[in-house]
């Protein structure tokens, strides 16, 4: 996977704490020749749909990272935005990395286990890139 595609390889859209994780993973994967554009959403309403779609049009791949549950959350709205505004540019389905579908535990070790981390994000990014390495 160390071959760079000559431009941005993938877009990660995140907000709040997830943006910090996304930026850390982007820096780590840069050492492997992977170029990731991180969209750090500073507000959810209004949602900056133009910036999200413009990035996905450049990269053709998108991963949404959030601390919310996978179902019924902001990540689903972001994925729908990409579907509606950049579908023809996608080389792979939009992937989402989110919290476990359980009530959020109060115990800190259990809470950490339920929330997505850098390893989960990096795994999904590699899966998307591996599945589309011949797309360009």
Protein backbone atom coordinates (compact mmCIF):
# COMPACT_ATOMS: atom_id res chain seq x y z
CA UNK A 1 0.00 0.00 0.00
CA UNK A 2 2.99 2.33 0.15
CA UNK A 3 2.37 3.60 -3.39
CA UNK A 4 0.96 7.10 -3.47
CA UNK A 5 -1.77 7.74 -5.98
CA UNK A 6 -0.33 11.15 -6.89
CA UNK A 7 -2.98 13.13 -5.07
CA UNK A 8 -5.17 12.87 -2.00
CA UNK A 9 -6.11 9.26 -1.39
CA UNK A 10 -9.07 9.53 0.96
CA UNK A 11 -11.28 11.97 2.89
CA UNK A 12 -12.03 11.51 6.58
CA UNK A 13 -14.91 13.58 7.91
CA UNK A 14 -15.01 14.00 11.69
CA UNK A 15 -16.08 16.37 14.43
CA UNK A 16 -15.26 17.01 18.08
CA UNK A 17 -12.90 14.45 19.69
CA UNK A 18 -13.00 12.33 16.54
CA UNK A 19 -11.20 15.09 14.61
CA UNK A 20 -8.16 14.73 16.85
CA UNK A 21 -8.10 10.98 16.23
CA UNK A 22 -8.52 11.51 12.47
CA UNK A 23 -5.62 13.97 12.33
CA UNK A 24 -3.37 11.59 14.30
CA UNK A 25 -4.21 8.68 11.99
CA UNK A 26 -3.64 10.86 8.92
CA UNK A 27 -0.17 11.76 10.21
CA UNK A 28 0.64 8.12 10.95
CA UNK A 29 -0.51 6.89 7.53
CA UNK A 30 1.42 9.68 5.81
CA UNK A 31 4.57 7.72 6.73
CA UNK A 32 3.16 4.87 4.58
CA UNK A 33 2.62 7.20 1.62
CA UNK A 34 -1.12 7.62 2.20
CA UNK A 35 -2.43 11.16 1.81
CA UNK A 36 -5.62 11.86 3.77
CA UNK A 37 -7.64 15.05 3.82
CA UNK A 38 -9.34 15.48 7.20
CA UNK A 39 -12.48 17.58 7.25
CA UNK A 40 -12.88 18.86 10.82
CA UNK A 41 -16.49 19.95 11.06
CA UNK A 42 -16.61 22.94 13.38
CA UNK A 43 -20.40 23.03 13.37
CA UNK A 44 -23.09 20.47 12.64
CA UNK A 45 -25.76 23.03 11.94
CA UNK A 46 -25.23 24.42 9.43
CA UNK A 47 -23.42 21.41 8.02
CA UNK A 48 -20.71 22.42 5.56
CA UNK A 49 -21.93 20.16 2.77
CA UNK A 50 -19.96 22.00 0.08
CA UNK A 51 -16.61 21.38 1.78
CA UNK A 52 -17.41 17.72 2.43
CA UNK A 53 -18.45 17.04 -1.17
CA UNK A 54 -15.58 19.06 -2.66
CA UNK A 55 -13.09 16.93 -0.74
CA UNK A 56 -14.72 13.64 -1.74
CA UNK A 57 -14.74 14.76 -5.39
CA UNK A 58 -10.93 15.12 -5.08
CA UNK A 59 -10.26 11.87 -3.25
CA UNK A 60 -13.05 9.54 -4.49
CA UNK A 61 -13.12 7.80 -1.11
CA UNK A 62 -14.69 8.76 2.21
CA UNK A 63 -14.70 7.55 5.80
CA UNK A 64 -16.82 9.21 8.48
CA UNK A 65 -15.58 9.02 12.08
CA UNK A 66 -17.75 9.91 15.06
CA UNK A 67 -18.22 9.12 18.74
CA UNK A 68 -21.96 8.70 18.25
CA UNK A 69 -23.72 5.43 17.44
CA UNK A 70 -23.63 4.20 13.87
CA UNK A 71 -27.40 4.35 13.49
CA UNK A 72 -29.47 7.54 13.37
CA UNK A 73 -26.54 9.88 13.92
CA UNK A 74 -24.70 12.75 12.34
CA UNK A 75 -22.47 10.29 10.49
CA UNK A 76 -25.51 8.95 8.65
CA UNK A 77 -26.36 12.51 7.59
CA UNK A 78 -22.79 13.07 6.41
CA UNK A 79 -22.88 9.81 4.43
CA UNK A 80 -26.19 10.89 2.86
CA UNK A 81 -24.63 14.25 1.97
CA UNK A 82 -21.77 12.50 0.19
CA UNK A 83 -24.21 10.15 -1.56
CA UNK A 84 -26.26 13.09 -2.82
CA UNK A 85 -23.42 15.48 -3.66
CA UNK A 86 -20.49 13.33 -4.78
CA UNK A 87 -21.86 9.88 -5.68
CA UNK A 88 -20.53 9.91 -9.24
CA UNK A 89 -17.01 10.52 -7.92
CA UNK A 90 -16.91 7.62 -5.44
CA UNK A 91 -14.65 4.64 -6.09
CA UNK A 92 -15.95 2.87 -2.98
CA UNK A 93 -18.94 3.02 -0.65
CA UNK A 94 -18.76 5.56 2.15
CA UNK A 95 -17.58 3.80 5.31
CA UNK A 96 -18.41 4.86 8.85
CA UNK A 97 -16.52 4.26 12.07
CA UNK A 98 -18.63 4.89 15.17
CA UNK A 99 -19.31 3.87 18.74
CA UNK A 100 -20.62 0.44 19.65
CA UNK A 101 -24.40 0.09 19.43
CA UNK A 102 -24.80 -0.14 23.21
CA UNK A 103 -25.73 2.32 25.95
CA UNK A 104 -22.55 4.26 26.70
CA UNK A 105 -21.00 2.80 29.86
CA UNK A 106 -20.11 5.06 32.80
CA UNK A 107 -16.97 3.16 33.78
CA UNK A 108 -14.05 4.80 31.97
CA UNK A 109 -12.41 1.54 30.73
CA UNK A 110 -15.74 0.36 29.32
CA UNK A 111 -16.43 3.76 27.77
CA UNK A 112 -13.05 3.67 26.02
CA UNK A 113 -13.82 0.19 24.73
CA UNK A 114 -17.16 1.35 23.31
CA UNK A 115 -15.81 4.41 21.48
CA UNK A 116 -13.91 4.23 18.18
CA UNK A 117 -10.15 4.64 18.36
CA UNK A 118 -7.23 5.25 16.00
CA UNK A 119 -6.82 1.53 15.34
CA UNK A 120 -10.42 1.15 14.20
CA UNK A 121 -10.13 4.15 11.89
CA UNK A 122 -6.80 3.05 10.40
CA UNK A 123 -8.21 -0.45 9.77
CA UNK A 124 -11.20 0.90 7.82
CA UNK A 125 -9.02 3.33 5.85
CA UNK A 126 -6.71 0.48 4.82
CA UNK A 127 -9.70 -1.67 3.84
CA UNK A 128 -11.08 1.08 1.60
CA UNK A 129 -7.71 1.76 -0.02
CA UNK A 130 -6.95 -1.95 -0.49
CA UNK A 131 -10.35 -2.53 -2.11
CA UNK A 132 -9.83 0.33 -4.56
CA UNK A 133 -6.12 0.23 -5.28
CA UNK A 134 -6.74 -0.42 -8.97
CA UNK A 135 -9.52 2.15 -9.31
CA UNK A 136 -7.11 4.78 -10.64
